[in-house]
């Protein structure tokens, strides 16, 4: 997760059935997603900076699918070392249509010492801030580190699978990550399917602070065609302020 992550359109807190595209915020924490899982079988290191993500940004908001995002297989997203620790996150919508969101997120080291997002914890924290009691729980798929299930009130379940990912680190204190997620909302009636792409550009401005810009595009079901134009777009910002006493080593 990189990870996502905002509402789009109506105030859906009052709706008995939640649009799948809206619920991307539960599961894409930072680029991605936000928008990420706790497990990391074969984490995926940042690729050498080839400029593909900067090129993607230069085309905003005229994005389309297919995107230059390789399939992640069973690899998780690896973050720079300066992400390690516990952070207070503030997500801001510059349009002013949505209130700021505040929640806590964590990044820890895997068995090989690489930094990954604690995806179930992070997705739950975002979901609680956004949905309140409508979110019951978030579960990782133990067989696939790129798949999560969010159980919701009203006998609904959101299944999210990362199907495309690219990350780049063009400089020591910069990091870009782009993820494409397939979202399936199960519940009464037919499943609702959508695709959501979230691209995040992070900067470490101080050991205790990370700032990010985020871009998101929502697409229709792949059943309507693999090539697609965005149904809606969103752009926002994210600030992470360290809660640890000192930077982890």
C-alpha atoms as a PDB file:
ATOM      1  CA  UNK A   1       0.000   0.000   0.000  1.00  0.00           C
ATOM      2  CA  UNK A   2       0.449   2.477  -1.818  1.00  0.00           C
ATOM      3  CA  UNK A   3      -1.359   2.596  -1.744  1.00  0.00           C
ATOM      4  CA  UNK A   4      -5.278   5.345  -1.156  1.00  0.00           C
ATOM      5  CA  UNK A   5      -7.673   7.265  -0.573  1.00  0.00           C
ATOM      6  CA  UNK A   6     -10.470   9.740  -0.560  1.00  0.00           C
ATOM      7  CA  UNK A   7     -14.217   9.894  -1.002  1.00  0.00           C
ATOM      8  CA  UNK A   8     -15.475  10.966  -4.406  1.00  0.00           C
ATOM      9  CA  UNK A   9     -18.809  12.716  -4.759  1.00  0.00           C
ATOM     10  CA  UNK A  10     -21.641  12.280  -2.325  1.00  0.00           C
ATOM     11  CA  UNK A  11     -21.477  12.070   1.460  1.00  0.00           C
ATOM     12  CA  UNK A  12     -21.739   8.307   1.644  1.00  0.00           C
ATOM     13  CA  UNK A  13     -21.646   8.020   5.435  1.00  0.00           C
ATOM     14  CA  UNK A  14     -25.444   7.971   5.311  1.00  0.00           C
ATOM     15  CA  UNK A  15     -25.705   5.410   2.523  1.00  0.00           C
ATOM     16  CA  UNK A  16     -26.627   1.792   3.366  1.00  0.00           C
ATOM     17  CA  UNK A  17     -24.539   0.540   0.448  1.00  0.00           C
ATOM     18  CA  UNK A  18     -21.150   2.077  -0.224  1.00  0.00           C
ATOM     19  CA  UNK A  19     -19.713   2.623  -3.731  1.00  0.00           C
ATOM     20  CA  UNK A  20     -16.667   0.458  -4.359  1.00  0.00           C
ATOM     21  CA  UNK A  21     -14.677   3.362  -5.737  1.00  0.00           C
ATOM     22  CA  UNK A  22     -15.261   5.303  -2.526  1.00  0.00           C
ATOM     23  CA  UNK A  23     -13.816   2.523  -0.393  1.00  0.00           C
ATOM     24  CA  UNK A  24     -10.396   2.655  -1.998  1.00  0.00           C
ATOM     25  CA  UNK A  25      -9.416   4.839   0.941  1.00  0.00           C
ATOM     26  CA  UNK A  26      -9.659   1.836   3.217  1.00  0.00           C
ATOM     27  CA  UNK A  27      -7.082  -0.146   1.394  1.00  0.00           C
ATOM     28  CA  UNK A  28      -4.733   2.207  -0.358  1.00  0.00           C
ATOM     29  CA  UNK A  29      -2.898   3.923   2.476  1.00  0.00           C
ATOM     30  CA  UNK A  30      -0.097   5.873   0.661  1.00  0.00           C
ATOM     31  CA  UNK A  31       0.014   5.732  -3.055  1.00  0.00           C
ATOM     32  CA  UNK A  32      -1.197   4.347  -2.852  1.00  0.00           C
ATOM     33  CA  UNK A  33      -1.734   3.029  -1.480  1.00  0.00           C
ATOM     34  CA  UNK A  34      -1.633   4.240   0.092  1.00  0.00           C
ATOM     35  CA  UNK A  35      -3.476   3.010  -1.697  1.00  0.00           C
ATOM     36  CA  UNK A  36      -1.018  -2.223   1.414  1.00  0.00           C
ATOM     37  CA  UNK A  37      -0.724  -5.467   3.311  1.00  0.00           C
ATOM     38  CA  UNK A  38       1.210  -6.454   6.415  1.00  0.00           C
ATOM     39  CA  UNK A  39       2.737  -9.552   4.855  1.00  0.00           C
ATOM     40  CA  UNK A  40       5.762  -9.243   2.588  1.00  0.00           C
ATOM     41  CA  UNK A  41       6.874 -12.507   1.032  1.00  0.00           C
ATOM     42  CA  UNK A  42       9.215 -11.053  -1.589  1.00  0.00           C
ATOM     43  CA  UNK A  43       9.166  -7.258  -1.180  1.00  0.00           C
ATOM     44  CA  UNK A  44       9.701  -5.221  -4.270  1.00  0.00           C
ATOM     45  CA  UNK A  45      12.514  -2.690  -4.095  1.00  0.00           C
ATOM     46  CA  UNK A  46      12.205   0.701  -5.744  1.00  0.00           C
ATOM     47  CA  UNK A  47      13.204   0.535  -9.378  1.00  0.00           C
ATOM     48  CA  UNK A  48      15.949   2.705 -10.735  1.00  0.00           C
ATOM     49  CA  UNK A  49      14.583   6.108 -11.608  1.00  0.00           C
ATOM     50  CA  UNK A  50      13.654   5.818 -15.280  1.00  0.00           C
ATOM     51  CA  UNK A  51      11.256   8.737 -15.183  1.00  0.00           C
ATOM     52  CA  UNK A  52       8.135   6.741 -16.059  1.00  0.00           C
ATOM     53  CA  UNK A  53       6.231   7.947 -13.005  1.00  0.00           C
ATOM     54  CA  UNK A  54       7.249  11.558 -13.521  1.00  0.00           C
ATOM     55  CA  UNK A  55       6.062  11.161 -17.095  1.00  0.00           C
ATOM     56  CA  UNK A  56       2.807   9.746 -15.770  1.00  0.00           C
ATOM     57  CA  UNK A  57       2.401  12.814 -13.563  1.00  0.00           C
ATOM     58  CA  UNK A  58       3.057  15.137 -16.475  1.00  0.00           C
ATOM     59  CA  UNK A  59       0.003  13.641 -18.214  1.00  0.00           C
ATOM     60  CA  UNK A  60      -2.323  14.331 -15.255  1.00  0.00           C
ATOM     61  CA  UNK A  61      -5.322  14.447 -15.359  1.00  0.00           C
ATOM     62  CA  UNK A  62      -5.383  12.906 -18.842  1.00  0.00           C
ATOM     63  CA  UNK A  63      -4.587   9.427 -17.583  1.00  0.00           C
ATOM     64  CA  UNK A  64      -5.799   6.246 -19.215  1.00  0.00           C
ATOM     65  CA  UNK A  65      -5.389   2.505 -18.971  1.00  0.00           C
ATOM     66  CA  UNK A  66      -3.352   0.462 -19.609  1.00  0.00           C
ATOM     67  CA  UNK A  67      -0.753   2.131 -17.382  1.00  0.00           C
ATOM     68  CA  UNK A  68       3.026   1.399 -17.255  1.00  0.00           C
ATOM     69  CA  UNK A  69       2.642  -0.671 -14.085  1.00  0.00           C
ATOM     70  CA  UNK A  70       4.094  -4.221 -13.956  1.00  0.00           C
ATOM     71  CA  UNK A  71       2.176  -6.923 -12.122  1.00  0.00           C
ATOM     72  CA  UNK A  72       3.529  -7.256  -8.568  1.00  0.00           C
ATOM     73  CA  UNK A  73       3.129 -11.051  -8.256  1.00  0.00           C
ATOM     74  CA  UNK A  74       3.727 -11.859  -4.557  1.00  0.00           C
ATOM     75  CA  UNK A  75       6.025  -8.914  -3.889  1.00  0.00           C
ATOM     76  CA  UNK A  76       5.150  -6.147  -1.451  1.00  0.00           C
ATOM     77  CA  UNK A  77       6.144  -2.492  -1.761  1.00  0.00           C
ATOM     78  CA  UNK A  78       9.477  -1.530  -0.155  1.00  0.00           C
ATOM     79  CA  UNK A  79       9.774   1.972   1.271  1.00  0.00           C
ATOM     80  CA  UNK A  80      12.954   3.975   1.971  1.00  0.00           C
ATOM     81  CA  UNK A  81      14.454   3.505   5.436  1.00  0.00           C
ATOM     82  CA  UNK A  82      13.214   6.924   6.536  1.00  0.00           C
ATOM     83  CA  UNK A  83       9.632   5.615   6.571  1.00  0.00           C
ATOM     84  CA  UNK A  84      10.328   3.188   9.441  1.00  0.00           C
ATOM     85  CA  UNK A  85       8.337   3.972  12.590  1.00  0.00           C
ATOM     86  CA  UNK A  86       4.954   5.234  13.756  1.00  0.00           C
ATOM     87  CA  UNK A  87       3.434   8.382  12.279  1.00  0.00           C
ATOM     88  CA  UNK A  88       0.496  10.721  12.736  1.00  0.00           C
ATOM     89  CA  UNK A  89      -1.007  11.142   9.268  1.00  0.00           C
ATOM     90  CA  UNK A  90      -3.057  14.102   8.058  1.00  0.00           C
ATOM     91  CA  UNK A  91      -4.747  13.857   4.672  1.00  0.00           C
ATOM     92  CA  UNK A  92      -5.896  17.119   3.088  1.00  0.00           C
ATOM     93  CA  UNK A  93      -8.291  17.821   0.239  1.00  0.00           C
ATOM     94  CA  UNK A  94      -7.211  21.189  -1.243  1.00  0.00           C
ATOM     95  CA  UNK A  95     -10.600  21.637  -2.894  1.00  0.00           C
ATOM     96  CA  UNK A  96     -12.135  22.070   0.546  1.00  0.00           C
ATOM     97  CA  UNK A  97     -14.935  19.640  -0.229  1.00  0.00           C
ATOM     98  CA  UNK A  98     -13.795  17.190   2.443  1.00  0.00           C
ATOM     99  CA  UNK A  99     -12.553  17.661   5.969  1.00  0.00           C
ATOM    100  CA  UNK A 100      -9.001  16.678   6.860  1.00  0.00           C
ATOM    101  CA  UNK A 101      -8.528  13.089   8.014  1.00  0.00           C
ATOM    102  CA  UNK A 102      -6.252  12.232  10.954  1.00  0.00           C
ATOM    103  CA  UNK A 103      -5.028   8.725  11.768  1.00  0.00           C
ATOM    104  CA  UNK A 104      -1.954   6.761  12.861  1.00  0.00           C
ATOM    105  CA  UNK A 105       0.116   4.605  10.504  1.00  0.00           C
ATOM    106  CA  UNK A 106       3.078   2.291  10.996  1.00  0.00           C
ATOM    107  CA  UNK A 107       5.961   1.047   8.875  1.00  0.00           C
ATOM    108  CA  UNK A 108       8.162  -1.764  10.152  1.00  0.00           C
ATOM    109  CA  UNK A 109      11.021  -3.955   8.982  1.00  0.00           C
ATOM    110  CA  UNK A 110      10.428  -7.381   7.533  1.00  0.00           C
ATOM    111  CA  UNK A 111      12.535 -10.460   8.200  1.00  0.00           C
ATOM    112  CA  UNK A 112      15.196  -9.149   5.819  1.00  0.00           C
ATOM    113  CA  UNK A 113      15.331  -5.690   7.377  1.00  0.00           C
ATOM    114  CA  UNK A 114      13.392  -3.872   4.646  1.00  0.00           C
ATOM    115  CA  UNK A 115      10.710  -1.304   5.426  1.00  0.00           C
ATOM    116  CA  UNK A 116       7.124  -2.247   4.549  1.00  0.00           C
ATOM    117  CA  UNK A 117       3.773  -0.808   5.526  1.00  0.00           C
ATOM    118  CA  UNK A 118       1.788  -2.556   8.247  1.00  0.00           C
ATOM    119  CA  UNK A 119      -1.051  -2.727   5.826  1.00  0.00           C
ATOM    120  CA  UNK A 120      -3.877  -4.220   7.885  1.00  0.00           C
ATOM    121  CA  UNK A 121      -3.166  -1.810  10.762  1.00  0.00           C
ATOM    122  CA  UNK A 122      -2.893   1.163   8.421  1.00  0.00           C
ATOM    123  CA  UNK A 123      -5.992   0.323   6.390  1.00  0.00           C
ATOM    124  CA  UNK A 124      -7.990  -0.156   9.584  1.00  0.00           C
ATOM    125  CA  UNK A 125      -6.817   3.208  10.935  1.00  0.00           C
ATOM    126  CA  UNK A 126      -7.823   5.010   7.743  1.00  0.00           C
ATOM    127  CA  UNK A 127     -11.106   3.131   7.602  1.00  0.00           C
ATOM    128  CA  UNK A 128     -11.983   4.047  11.186  1.00  0.00           C
ATOM    129  CA  UNK A 129     -11.256   7.708  10.482  1.00  0.00           C
ATOM    130  CA  UNK A 130     -13.338   7.656   7.320  1.00  0.00           C
ATOM    131  CA  UNK A 131     -16.122   5.146   8.002  1.00  0.00           C
ATOM    132  CA  UNK A 132     -16.342   4.897  11.773  1.00  0.00           C
ATOM    133  CA  UNK A 133     -18.354   1.892  12.933  1.00  0.00           C
ATOM    134  CA  UNK A 134     -19.335   0.975   9.362  1.00  0.00           C
ATOM    135  CA  UNK A 135     -15.940  -0.730   9.050  1.00  0.00           C
ATOM    136  CA  UNK A 136     -15.947  -3.988  10.996  1.00  0.00           C
ATOM    137  CA  UNK A 137     -12.458  -5.308  10.243  1.00  0.00           C
ATOM    138  CA  UNK A 138      -9.706  -5.563   7.625  1.00  0.00           C
ATOM    139  CA  UNK A 139      -8.085  -8.933   6.919  1.00  0.00           C
ATOM    140  CA  UNK A 140      -4.967  -9.838   4.964  1.00  0.00           C
ATOM    141  CA  UNK A 141      -5.040 -12.726   2.521  1.00  0.00           C
ATOM    142  CA  UNK A 142      -2.307 -15.060   3.859  1.00  0.00           C
ATOM    143  CA  UNK A 143      -1.804 -16.490   0.363  1.00  0.00           C
ATOM    144  CA  UNK A 144      -1.374 -13.166  -1.422  1.00  0.00           C
ATOM    145  CA  UNK A 145       0.392 -10.136   0.110  1.00  0.00           C
ATOM    146  CA  UNK A 146      -1.326  -7.854  -2.395  1.00  0.00           C
ATOM    147  CA  UNK A 147      -4.910  -8.728  -1.452  1.00  0.00           C
ATOM    148  CA  UNK A 148      -7.071  -7.509   1.440  1.00  0.00           C
ATOM    149  CA  UNK A 149     -10.657  -7.969   2.544  1.00  0.00           C
ATOM    150  CA  UNK A 150     -12.588  -5.255   4.395  1.00  0.00           C
ATOM    151  CA  UNK A 151     -15.785  -6.359   6.159  1.00  0.00           C
ATOM    152  CA  UNK A 152     -18.474  -3.685   6.339  1.00  0.00           C
ATOM    153  CA  UNK A 153     -21.849  -3.310   7.940  1.00  0.00           C
ATOM    154  CA  UNK A 154     -24.830  -4.324   5.852  1.00  0.00           C
ATOM    155  CA  UNK A 155     -23.338  -7.707   4.936  1.00  0.00           C
ATOM    156  CA  UNK A 156     -20.854  -6.121   2.550  1.00  0.00           C
ATOM    157  CA  UNK A 157     -17.224  -7.013   1.861  1.00  0.00           C
ATOM    158  CA  UNK A 158     -14.704  -5.072  -0.186  1.00  0.00           C
ATOM    159  CA  UNK A 159     -12.043  -7.182  -1.887  1.00  0.00           C
ATOM    160  CA  UNK A 160      -8.999  -5.232  -3.065  1.00  0.00           C
ATOM    161  CA  UNK A 161      -6.106  -6.656  -5.081  1.00  0.00           C
ATOM    162  CA  UNK A 162      -3.074  -4.751  -6.345  1.00  0.00           C
ATOM    163  CA  UNK A 163      -2.734  -5.694 -10.009  1.00  0.00           C
ATOM    164  CA  UNK A 164      -0.087  -3.174 -11.060  1.00  0.00           C
ATOM    165  CA  UNK A 165       2.746  -1.357  -9.294  1.00  0.00           C
ATOM    166  CA  UNK A 166       5.819   0.747  -9.955  1.00  0.00           C
ATOM    167  CA  UNK A 167       8.072   2.641  -7.556  1.00  0.00           C
ATOM    168  CA  UNK A 168      11.061   4.914  -8.088  1.00  0.00           C
ATOM    169  CA  UNK A 169      13.516   6.732  -5.852  1.00  0.00           C
ATOM    170  CA  UNK A 170      14.997   9.551  -7.946  1.00  0.00           C
ATOM    171  CA  UNK A 171      16.872  11.041  -4.951  1.00  0.00           C
ATOM    172  CA  UNK A 172      17.793  10.015  -1.412  1.00  0.00           C
ATOM    173  CA  UNK A 173      14.924  11.977   0.148  1.00  0.00           C
ATOM    174  CA  UNK A 174      12.322  11.421  -2.562  1.00  0.00           C
ATOM    175  CA  UNK A 175      10.126   8.414  -3.318  1.00  0.00           C
ATOM    176  CA  UNK A 176       7.368   7.780  -5.853  1.00  0.00           C
ATOM    177  CA  UNK A 177       4.937   4.867  -5.869  1.00  0.00           C
ATOM    178  CA  UNK A 178       2.033   4.085  -8.184  1.00  0.00           C
ATOM    179  CA  UNK A 179      -0.446   1.235  -7.648  1.00  0.00           C
ATOM    180  CA  UNK A 180      -3.449   0.034  -9.616  1.00  0.00           C
ATOM    181  CA  UNK A 181      -6.012  -1.861  -7.542  1.00  0.00           C
ATOM    182  CA  UNK A 182      -8.925  -4.013  -8.650  1.00  0.00           C
ATOM    183  CA  UNK A 183     -11.852  -3.417  -6.282  1.00  0.00           C
ATOM    184  CA  UNK A 184     -14.821  -5.776  -5.921  1.00  0.00           C
ATOM    185  CA  UNK A 185     -17.649  -4.855  -3.563  1.00  0.00           C
ATOM    186  CA  UNK A 186     -19.621  -7.958  -2.551  1.00  0.00           C
ATOM    187  CA  UNK A 187     -23.036  -7.685  -0.924  1.00  0.00           C
ATOM    188  CA  UNK A 188     -26.729  -7.693  -1.729  1.00  0.00           C
ATOM    189  CA  UNK A 189     -27.152  -7.792  -5.487  1.00  0.00           C
ATOM    190  CA  UNK A 190     -24.470  -8.174  -8.109  1.00  0.00           C
ATOM    191  CA  UNK A 191     -20.806  -7.441  -7.254  1.00  0.00           C
ATOM    192  CA  UNK A 192     -19.629  -3.959  -8.194  1.00  0.00           C
ATOM    193  CA  UNK A 193     -16.193  -3.818  -9.795  1.00  0.00           C
ATOM    194  CA  UNK A 194     -13.868  -0.888 -10.382  1.00  0.00           C
ATOM    195  CA  UNK A 195     -10.181  -0.064 -10.803  1.00  0.00           C
ATOM    196  CA  UNK A 196      -8.394   2.676  -8.884  1.00  0.00           C
ATOM    197  CA  UNK A 197      -4.906   4.035  -9.571  1.00  0.00           C
ATOM    198  CA  UNK A 198      -3.126   6.036  -6.861  1.00  0.00           C
ATOM    199  CA  UNK A 199       0.228   7.727  -7.431  1.00  0.00           C
ATOM    200  CA  UNK A 200       2.083   9.320  -4.489  1.00  0.00           C
ATOM    201  CA  UNK A 201       5.219  11.462  -4.469  1.00  0.00           C
ATOM    202  CA  UNK A 202       6.899  11.640  -1.043  1.00  0.00           C
ATOM    203  CA  UNK A 203       9.606  13.958   0.268  1.00  0.00           C
ATOM    204  CA  UNK A 204      11.439  13.643   3.560  1.00  0.00           C
ATOM    205  CA  UNK A 205      11.618  17.280   4.650  1.00  0.00           C
ATOM    206  CA  UNK A 206      13.029  16.437   8.114  1.00  0.00           C
ATOM    207  CA  UNK A 207      13.718  13.242  10.107  1.00  0.00           C
ATOM    208  CA  UNK A 208      10.376  13.819  11.859  1.00  0.00           C
ATOM    209  CA  UNK A 209       8.277  14.822   8.837  1.00  0.00           C
ATOM    210  CA  UNK A 210       7.325  13.421   5.417  1.00  0.00           C
ATOM    211  CA  UNK A 211       5.178  15.340   2.946  1.00  0.00           C
ATOM    212  CA  UNK A 212       3.411  13.868  -0.065  1.00  0.00           C
ATOM    213  CA  UNK A 213       1.274  14.801  -3.031  1.00  0.00           C
ATOM    214  CA  UNK A 214      -1.245  12.231  -4.205  1.00  0.00           C
ATOM    215  CA  UNK A 215      -3.121  11.744  -7.463  1.00  0.00           C
ATOM    216  CA  UNK A 216      -5.960   9.255  -7.959  1.00  0.00           C
ATOM    217  CA  UNK A 217      -8.050   8.109 -10.906  1.00  0.00           C
ATOM    218  CA  UNK A 218     -11.028   5.749 -10.833  1.00  0.00           C
ATOM    219  CA  UNK A 219     -11.908   3.549 -13.803  1.00  0.00           C
ATOM    220  CA  UNK A 220     -14.736   1.194 -14.662  1.00  0.00           C
ATOM    221  CA  UNK A 221     -14.741  -2.579 -14.580  1.00  0.00           C
ATOM    222  CA  UNK A 222     -12.253  -4.429 -16.815  1.00  0.00           C
ATOM    223  CA  UNK A 223     -15.294  -6.254 -18.174  1.00  0.00           C
ATOM    224  CA  UNK A 224     -15.973  -3.025 -20.072  1.00  0.00           C
ATOM    225  CA  UNK A 225     -12.532  -3.243 -21.658  1.00  0.00           C
ATOM    226  CA  UNK A 226      -8.924  -3.210 -20.467  1.00  0.00           C
ATOM    227  CA  UNK A 227      -8.443   0.202 -22.086  1.00  0.00           C
ATOM    228  CA  UNK A 228     -10.250   2.885 -20.099  1.00  0.00           C
ATOM    229  CA  UNK A 229     -10.546   6.594 -19.400  1.00  0.00           C
ATOM    230  CA  UNK A 230     -11.026   7.891 -15.816  1.00  0.00           C
ATOM    231  CA  UNK A 231     -14.570   8.177 -14.519  1.00  0.00           C
ATOM    232  CA  UNK A 232     -13.348  10.609 -11.857  1.00  0.00           C
ATOM    233  CA  UNK A 233     -10.062  12.030 -10.577  1.00  0.00           C
ATOM    234  CA  UNK A 234      -8.827  13.441  -7.279  1.00  0.00           C
ATOM    235  CA  UNK A 235      -5.687  15.210  -6.070  1.00  0.00           C
ATOM    236  CA  UNK A 236      -4.647  15.834  -2.477  1.00  0.00           C
ATOM    237  CA  UNK A 237      -1.802  15.987   0.005  1.00  0.00           C
ATOM    238  CA  UNK A 238      -0.559  13.946   2.937  1.00  0.00           C
ATOM    239  CA  UNK A 239       1.680  14.840   5.882  1.00  0.00           C
ATOM    240  CA  UNK A 240       3.319  12.270   8.180  1.00  0.00           C
ATOM    241  CA  UNK A 241       4.651  13.489  11.535  1.00  0.00           C
ATOM    242  CA  UNK A 242       6.742  11.069  13.545  1.00  0.00           C
ATOM    243  CA  UNK A 243       5.324   9.810  16.841  1.00  0.00           C
ATOM    244  CA  UNK A 244       8.461   7.868  17.805  1.00  0.00           C
ATOM    245  CA  UNK A 245      10.886   9.528  20.204  1.00  0.00           C
ATOM    246  CA  UNK A 246      13.747   8.954  17.796  1.00  0.00           C
ATOM    247  CA  UNK A 247      14.174   7.729  14.273  1.00  0.00           C
ATOM    248  CA  UNK A 248      14.346   3.903  14.179  1.00  0.00           C
ATOM    249  CA  UNK A 249      17.568   2.324  12.952  1.00  0.00           C
END
